[in-house]
Amino acid sequence: MLDRLHTNSVAEALDIADAHHWTRQPPLSDRARLRFLNSRGADLSTLAGRLHTTPRTLQSILTNKRNAPNEALRQAILKEVIRLWQPRVRRRAHRAIGDQ
């Protein structure tokens, strides 16, 4: 899953490494990923702006009216989930590495 993700920056690559090595596995389905992102305090319009889509598209995915997003939206959702996934676990791991 994480191996197919293309990165545009070093920060994205480090987020992927963090998620892959130190944290639990992030949600697998697009619907579960969107529920996670929505639970982080962002409303659908803000989230849609970050993902370069419309709130209506996200709502249709959340309510299961739409089967699957296109590949570009799927990648954007995954990158956003990985960026926000288990920040305390990641900070703890980084601190432990820095202490060595």
C-alpha atoms as a PDB file:
ATOM      1  CA  MET A   1       0.000   0.000   0.000  1.00  0.00           C
ATOM      2  CA  LEU A   2       2.580   2.601   1.026  1.00  0.00           C
ATOM      3  CA  ASP A   3       5.111   1.423  -1.548  1.00  0.00           C
ATOM      4  CA  ARG A   4       3.071   2.784  -4.474  1.00  0.00           C
ATOM      5  CA  LEU A   5       2.806   6.293  -3.061  1.00  0.00           C
ATOM      6  CA  HIS A   6       4.809   8.865  -4.980  1.00  0.00           C
ATOM      7  CA  THR A   7       6.361  11.717  -3.053  1.00  0.00           C
ATOM      8  CA  ASN A   8       6.962  15.289  -4.121  1.00  0.00           C
ATOM      9  CA  SER A   9       9.112  16.313  -1.170  1.00  0.00           C
ATOM     10  CA  VAL A  10      11.452  15.006   1.464  1.00  0.00           C
ATOM     11  CA  ALA A  11       8.823  15.716   4.134  1.00  0.00           C
ATOM     12  CA  GLU A  12       6.333  13.402   2.397  1.00  0.00           C
ATOM     13  CA  ALA A  13       8.964  10.677   2.159  1.00  0.00           C
ATOM     14  CA  LEU A  14       9.704  11.008   5.883  1.00  0.00           C
ATOM     15  CA  ASP A  15       5.973  10.864   6.695  1.00  0.00           C
ATOM     16  CA  ILE A  16       5.701   7.619   4.720  1.00  0.00           C
ATOM     17  CA  ALA A  17       8.725   6.157   6.519  1.00  0.00           C
ATOM     18  CA  ASP A  18       7.245   7.128   9.887  1.00  0.00           C
ATOM     19  CA  ALA A  19       3.901   5.549   9.067  1.00  0.00           C
ATOM     20  CA  HIS A  20       5.548   2.436   7.711  1.00  0.00           C
ATOM     21  CA  HIS A  21       8.023   1.799  10.540  1.00  0.00           C
ATOM     22  CA  TRP A  22       6.771   3.264  13.801  1.00  0.00           C
ATOM     23  CA  THR A  23       3.015   3.478  13.824  1.00  0.00           C
ATOM     24  CA  ARG A  24       0.069   1.171  13.482  1.00  0.00           C
ATOM     25  CA  GLN A  25      -1.227   0.698   9.976  1.00  0.00           C
ATOM     26  CA  PRO A  26      -3.414   3.626   8.852  1.00  0.00           C
ATOM     27  CA  PRO A  27      -7.008   2.968   7.738  1.00  0.00           C
ATOM     28  CA  LEU A  28      -7.217   0.913   4.563  1.00  0.00           C
ATOM     29  CA  SER A  29     -10.448   1.910   2.838  1.00  0.00           C
ATOM     30  CA  ASP A  30     -11.040   5.337   1.336  1.00  0.00           C
ATOM     31  CA  ARG A  31     -14.181   5.733   3.414  1.00  0.00           C
ATOM     32  CA  ALA A  32     -12.321   4.940   6.647  1.00  0.00           C
ATOM     33  CA  ARG A  33      -9.525   7.334   5.683  1.00  0.00           C
ATOM     34  CA  LEU A  34     -12.027  10.125   5.083  1.00  0.00           C
ATOM     35  CA  ARG A  35     -13.726   9.406   8.403  1.00  0.00           C
ATOM     36  CA  PHE A  36     -10.322   9.705  10.088  1.00  0.00           C
ATOM     37  CA  LEU A  37      -9.569  12.998   8.338  1.00  0.00           C
ATOM     38  CA  ASN A  38     -13.021  14.311   9.178  1.00  0.00           C
ATOM     39  CA  SER A  39     -12.496  13.374  12.838  1.00  0.00           C
ATOM     40  CA  ARG A  40      -9.352  15.518  12.980  1.00  0.00           C
ATOM     41  CA  GLY A  41     -11.534  18.619  13.230  1.00  0.00           C
ATOM     42  CA  ALA A  42     -11.679  19.758   9.618  1.00  0.00           C
ATOM     43  CA  ASP A  43     -15.073  20.260   8.023  1.00  0.00           C
ATOM     44  CA  LEU A  44     -15.666  18.781   4.579  1.00  0.00           C
ATOM     45  CA  SER A  45     -15.207  22.061   2.712  1.00  0.00           C
ATOM     46  CA  THR A  46     -11.780  22.650   4.286  1.00  0.00           C
ATOM     47  CA  LEU A  47     -10.802  19.049   3.708  1.00  0.00           C
ATOM     48  CA  ALA A  48     -12.008  19.229   0.100  1.00  0.00           C
ATOM     49  CA  GLY A  49      -9.822  22.284  -0.455  1.00  0.00           C
ATOM     50  CA  ARG A  50      -6.756  20.438   0.832  1.00  0.00           C
ATOM     51  CA  LEU A  51      -7.558  17.445  -1.376  1.00  0.00           C
ATOM     52  CA  HIS A  52      -8.391  19.559  -4.464  1.00  0.00           C
ATOM     53  CA  THR A  53     -11.912  18.229  -4.837  1.00  0.00           C
ATOM     54  CA  THR A  54     -15.446  19.229  -3.885  1.00  0.00           C
ATOM     55  CA  PRO A  55     -17.211  18.668  -0.555  1.00  0.00           C
ATOM     56  CA  ARG A  56     -19.972  16.895  -2.454  1.00  0.00           C
ATOM     57  CA  THR A  57     -17.504  14.309  -3.766  1.00  0.00           C
ATOM     58  CA  LEU A  58     -16.210  13.634  -0.263  1.00  0.00           C
ATOM     59  CA  GLN A  59     -19.742  13.402   1.095  1.00  0.00           C
ATOM     60  CA  SER A  60     -20.668  10.847  -1.570  1.00  0.00           C
ATOM     61  CA  ILE A  61     -17.651   8.729  -0.630  1.00  0.00           C
ATOM     62  CA  LEU A  62     -18.470   8.987   3.085  1.00  0.00           C
ATOM     63  CA  THR A  63     -22.087   7.970   2.577  1.00  0.00           C
ATOM     64  CA  ASN A  64     -21.002   5.127   0.291  1.00  0.00           C
ATOM     65  CA  LYS A  65     -22.957   6.482  -2.681  1.00  0.00           C
ATOM     66  CA  ARG A  66     -19.802   6.513  -4.732  1.00  0.00           C
ATOM     67  CA  ASN A  67     -17.755   3.337  -4.986  1.00  0.00           C
ATOM     68  CA  ALA A  68     -14.215   4.627  -5.225  1.00  0.00           C
ATOM     69  CA  PRO A  69     -12.477   7.922  -5.897  1.00  0.00           C
ATOM     70  CA  ASN A  70     -10.208   8.345  -8.894  1.00  0.00           C
ATOM     71  CA  GLU A  71      -6.521   7.574  -8.463  1.00  0.00           C
ATOM     72  CA  ALA A  72      -5.452  11.207  -7.968  1.00  0.00           C
ATOM     73  CA  LEU A  73      -7.978  11.713  -5.175  1.00  0.00           C
ATOM     74  CA  ARG A  74      -7.072   8.371  -3.625  1.00  0.00           C
ATOM     75  CA  GLN A  75      -3.379   9.382  -3.518  1.00  0.00           C
ATOM     76  CA  ALA A  76      -4.245  12.798  -2.038  1.00  0.00           C
ATOM     77  CA  ILE A  77      -6.369  11.190   0.687  1.00  0.00           C
ATOM     78  CA  LEU A  78      -3.620   8.706   1.520  1.00  0.00           C
ATOM     79  CA  LYS A  79      -0.934  11.418   1.709  1.00  0.00           C
ATOM     80  CA  GLU A  80      -3.091  13.508   4.035  1.00  0.00           C
ATOM     81  CA  VAL A  81      -3.835  10.515   6.279  1.00  0.00           C
ATOM     82  CA  ILE A  82      -0.167   9.585   6.493  1.00  0.00           C
ATOM     83  CA  ARG A  83       0.753  13.190   7.311  1.00  0.00           C
ATOM     84  CA  LEU A  84      -1.694  13.259  10.245  1.00  0.00           C
ATOM     85  CA  TRP A  85      -1.429   9.643  11.428  1.00  0.00           C
ATOM     86  CA  GLN A  86      -0.374   9.098  15.072  1.00  0.00           C
ATOM     87  CA  PRO A  87       1.666  12.274  15.650  1.00  0.00           C
ATOM     88  CA  ARG A  88       2.541  11.459  19.275  1.00  0.00           C
ATOM     89  CA  VAL A  89       3.960   8.051  18.374  1.00  0.00           C
ATOM     90  CA  ARG A  90       6.034   9.652  15.635  1.00  0.00           C
ATOM     91  CA  ARG A  91       7.318  12.424  17.932  1.00  0.00           C
ATOM     92  CA  ARG A  92       8.279   9.849  20.564  1.00  0.00           C
ATOM     93  CA  ALA A  93      10.183   7.793  17.985  1.00  0.00           C
ATOM     94  CA  HIS A  94      11.994  10.882  16.702  1.00  0.00           C
ATOM     95  CA  ARG A  95      12.934  11.882  20.238  1.00  0.00           C
ATOM     96  CA  ALA A  96      14.290   8.391  20.921  1.00  0.00           C
ATOM     97  CA  ILE A  97      16.400   8.545  17.774  1.00  0.00           C
ATOM     98  CA  GLY A  98      17.714  11.973  18.721  1.00  0.00           C
ATOM     99  CA  ASP A  99      18.782  10.733  22.156  1.00  0.00           C
ATOM    100  CA  GLN A 100      21.015   8.027  20.705  1.00  0.00           C
END
